[in-house]
Amino acid sequence: MKRTMHRGAFLIGVMLLSGPTIASELYIYPAKGQSAEQLDKDKYECYSWAKNDTGFDPMAVPQATTAPPSNEKSSGGVVRGGVGGAVLGGIIGDSSKAAKRGAVAGGLIGGVRQSSQNSAAERERREWEQRESANYANNRNNYNRAYSACLEGRGYTVK
């Protein structure tokens, strides 16, 4: 649970930090001698237009577009496998020695299966985080393009 919270906080932190960084990379030059007041007005109007056009608001807190996968680790695989192996070993071998061997084998198999399931859950979580980060970056890039186009249309040079 703590790991899930840390990863979620990390993802949101990356998104929050990347927003101001991307926005600060834009240089806006008043190519037609616009005043500072006109620049501020045009920047606000272009922000509103780009936000409405793209559906992305760089001032809003980033939101995940899909729910994160469950990151709960399963436990008890060794115990379940051991019990199942003991029962099966007792039935097949009809002795306590066979039941013990079955319990050991079942415990090993149960532990391996549980570990595999936990690894798959972690991989799914990492893939979700990558998709969300890529989606955010794509939306931000589309917003920046729209914002730049608006300002360029008003006589500014944007790089």
Protein backbone atom coordinates (compact mmCIF):
# COMPACT_ATOMS: atom_id res chain seq x y z
CA MET A 1 0.00 0.00 0.00
CA LYS A 2 2.81 2.42 0.88
CA ARG A 3 4.56 1.59 -2.38
CA THR A 4 1.37 2.39 -4.32
CA MET A 5 1.03 5.74 -2.57
CA HIS A 6 4.69 6.58 -3.23
CA ARG A 7 4.39 5.73 -6.92
CA GLY A 8 1.18 7.74 -7.26
CA ALA A 9 2.77 10.72 -5.53
CA PHE A 10 5.83 10.37 -7.76
CA LEU A 11 3.67 10.32 -10.92
CA ILE A 12 1.76 13.41 -9.87
CA GLY A 13 5.00 15.13 -8.87
CA VAL A 14 6.54 14.43 -12.28
CA MET A 15 3.46 15.82 -13.98
CA LEU A 16 3.39 18.91 -11.80
CA LEU A 17 7.07 19.60 -12.28
CA SER A 18 6.98 19.01 -16.02
CA GLY A 19 4.17 21.55 -16.53
CA PRO A 20 6.04 24.66 -15.41
CA THR A 21 9.20 23.41 -17.11
CA ILE A 22 7.49 23.03 -20.46
CA ALA A 23 5.72 26.39 -20.15
CA SER A 24 8.94 28.14 -19.16
CA GLU A 25 10.62 26.82 -22.31
CA LEU A 26 8.44 29.06 -24.49
CA TYR A 27 9.98 32.39 -25.39
CA ILE A 28 7.53 35.02 -26.56
CA TYR A 29 8.83 38.07 -28.38
CA PRO A 30 6.56 41.00 -29.30
CA ALA A 31 7.65 41.16 -32.97
CA LYS A 32 5.32 44.06 -33.78
CA GLY A 33 6.22 46.24 -30.81
CA GLN A 34 3.30 45.18 -28.59
CA SER A 35 3.31 46.67 -25.09
CA ALA A 36 3.71 44.61 -21.92
CA GLU A 37 0.03 45.16 -21.16
CA GLN A 38 -0.96 43.93 -24.63
CA LEU A 39 1.33 40.91 -24.21
CA ASP A 40 -0.35 39.99 -20.91
CA LYS A 41 -3.80 40.37 -22.46
CA ASP A 42 -2.86 38.29 -25.50
CA LYS A 43 -1.24 35.60 -23.35
CA TYR A 44 -4.42 35.26 -21.27
CA GLU A 45 -6.68 35.17 -24.32
CA CYS A 46 -4.46 32.59 -26.02
CA TYR A 47 -4.35 30.53 -22.82
CA SER A 48 -8.17 30.47 -22.77
CA TRP A 49 -8.40 29.65 -26.46
CA ALA A 50 -5.78 26.87 -26.33
CA LYS A 51 -7.40 25.39 -23.22
CA ASN A 52 -10.83 25.30 -24.87
CA ASP A 53 -9.45 24.03 -28.17
CA THR A 54 -7.38 21.18 -26.71
CA GLY A 55 -9.32 20.40 -23.54
CA PHE A 56 -6.08 20.65 -21.56
CA ASP A 57 -5.56 23.16 -18.78
CA PRO A 58 -1.91 23.53 -17.79
CA MET A 59 -2.98 25.31 -14.59
CA ALA A 60 -5.10 22.37 -13.38
CA VAL A 61 -3.76 19.59 -11.18
CA PRO A 62 -2.97 16.59 -13.41
CA GLN A 63 -5.57 13.83 -13.28
CA ALA A 64 -5.18 10.21 -14.30
CA THR A 65 -7.32 9.30 -17.31
CA THR A 66 -7.82 5.73 -16.13
CA ALA A 67 -7.93 4.14 -12.71
CA PRO A 68 -4.64 2.65 -11.56
CA PRO A 69 -4.45 -1.13 -11.40
CA SER A 70 -4.60 -2.71 -7.99
CA ASN A 71 -1.15 -2.99 -6.52
CA GLU A 72 -1.98 -5.22 -3.59
CA LYS A 73 0.44 -8.06 -3.23
CA SER A 74 -1.12 -11.44 -2.69
CA SER A 75 0.17 -13.53 0.15
CA GLY A 76 -0.32 -17.01 1.53
CA GLY A 77 0.69 -18.83 -1.65
CA VAL A 78 3.25 -20.94 0.17
CA VAL A 79 0.75 -21.93 2.85
CA ARG A 80 -2.06 -22.71 0.39
CA GLY A 81 0.32 -24.66 -1.84
CA GLY A 82 1.74 -26.54 1.16
CA VAL A 83 -1.71 -27.54 2.44
CA GLY A 84 -2.84 -28.61 -1.02
CA GLY A 85 0.38 -30.56 -1.56
CA ALA A 86 0.08 -32.28 1.81
CA VAL A 87 -3.48 -33.36 1.10
CA LEU A 88 -2.59 -34.58 -2.38
CA GLY A 89 0.56 -36.30 -1.13
CA GLY A 90 -1.42 -38.01 1.65
CA ILE A 91 -4.05 -39.23 -0.79
CA ILE A 92 -1.62 -40.45 -3.43
CA GLY A 93 1.11 -41.82 -1.17
CA ASP A 94 -1.13 -42.83 1.73
CA SER A 95 1.58 -42.04 4.31
CA SER A 96 2.79 -39.14 6.41
CA LYS A 97 6.09 -39.13 4.54
CA ALA A 98 4.27 -38.62 1.23
CA ALA A 99 2.16 -35.89 2.81
CA LYS A 100 5.32 -34.07 3.99
CA ARG A 101 6.91 -34.31 0.55
CA GLY A 102 3.68 -33.08 -1.01
CA ALA A 103 3.55 -30.17 1.45
CA VAL A 104 7.11 -29.10 0.56
CA ALA A 105 6.51 -29.41 -3.18
CA GLY A 106 3.16 -27.63 -2.94
CA GLY A 107 4.68 -24.86 -0.85
CA LEU A 108 7.40 -24.28 -3.44
CA ILE A 109 4.91 -24.23 -6.30
CA GLY A 110 2.57 -21.91 -4.37
CA GLY A 111 5.43 -19.53 -3.58
CA VAL A 112 6.58 -19.41 -7.20
CA ARG A 113 3.02 -18.82 -8.44
CA GLN A 114 2.48 -16.01 -5.91
CA SER A 115 5.77 -14.37 -6.84
CA SER A 116 4.85 -14.52 -10.53
CA GLN A 117 1.46 -12.91 -9.84
CA ASN A 118 3.07 -10.14 -7.80
CA SER A 119 5.62 -9.48 -10.56
CA ALA A 120 2.85 -9.25 -13.15
CA ALA A 121 0.95 -6.77 -10.94
CA GLU A 122 4.07 -4.59 -10.58
CA ARG A 123 4.67 -4.70 -14.35
CA GLU A 124 1.05 -3.70 -15.00
CA ARG A 125 1.41 -0.79 -12.59
CA ARG A 126 4.61 0.45 -14.28
CA GLU A 127 2.95 0.23 -17.71
CA TRP A 128 -0.04 2.22 -16.41
CA GLU A 129 2.29 4.93 -15.05
CA GLN A 130 4.10 5.13 -18.38
CA ARG A 131 0.81 5.40 -20.31
CA GLU A 132 -0.45 8.16 -18.01
CA SER A 133 2.82 10.11 -18.27
CA ALA A 134 2.85 9.78 -22.06
CA ASN A 135 -0.80 10.87 -22.26
CA TYR A 136 -0.09 13.93 -20.11
CA ALA A 137 2.97 14.87 -22.18
CA ASN A 138 0.98 14.50 -25.42
CA ASN A 139 -1.87 16.66 -24.12
CA ARG A 140 0.60 19.28 -22.88
CA ASN A 141 2.38 19.31 -26.24
CA ASN A 142 -0.94 19.82 -28.07
CA TYR A 143 -1.79 22.70 -25.72
CA ASN A 144 1.64 24.32 -26.28
CA ARG A 145 1.21 24.07 -30.05
CA ALA A 146 -2.24 25.69 -29.88
CA TYR A 147 -1.01 28.41 -27.50
CA SER A 148 1.96 29.17 -29.74
CA ALA A 149 -0.22 29.28 -32.87
CA CYS A 150 -2.55 31.78 -31.20
CA LEU A 151 0.29 34.06 -30.16
CA GLU A 152 1.97 33.82 -33.56
CA GLY A 153 -1.36 34.78 -35.14
CA ARG A 154 -1.33 37.92 -33.01
CA GLY A 155 2.11 38.97 -34.22
CA TYR A 156 4.44 37.42 -31.66
CA THR A 157 7.45 35.25 -32.30
CA VAL A 158 7.25 32.11 -30.16
CA LYS A 159 10.12 29.66 -29.76
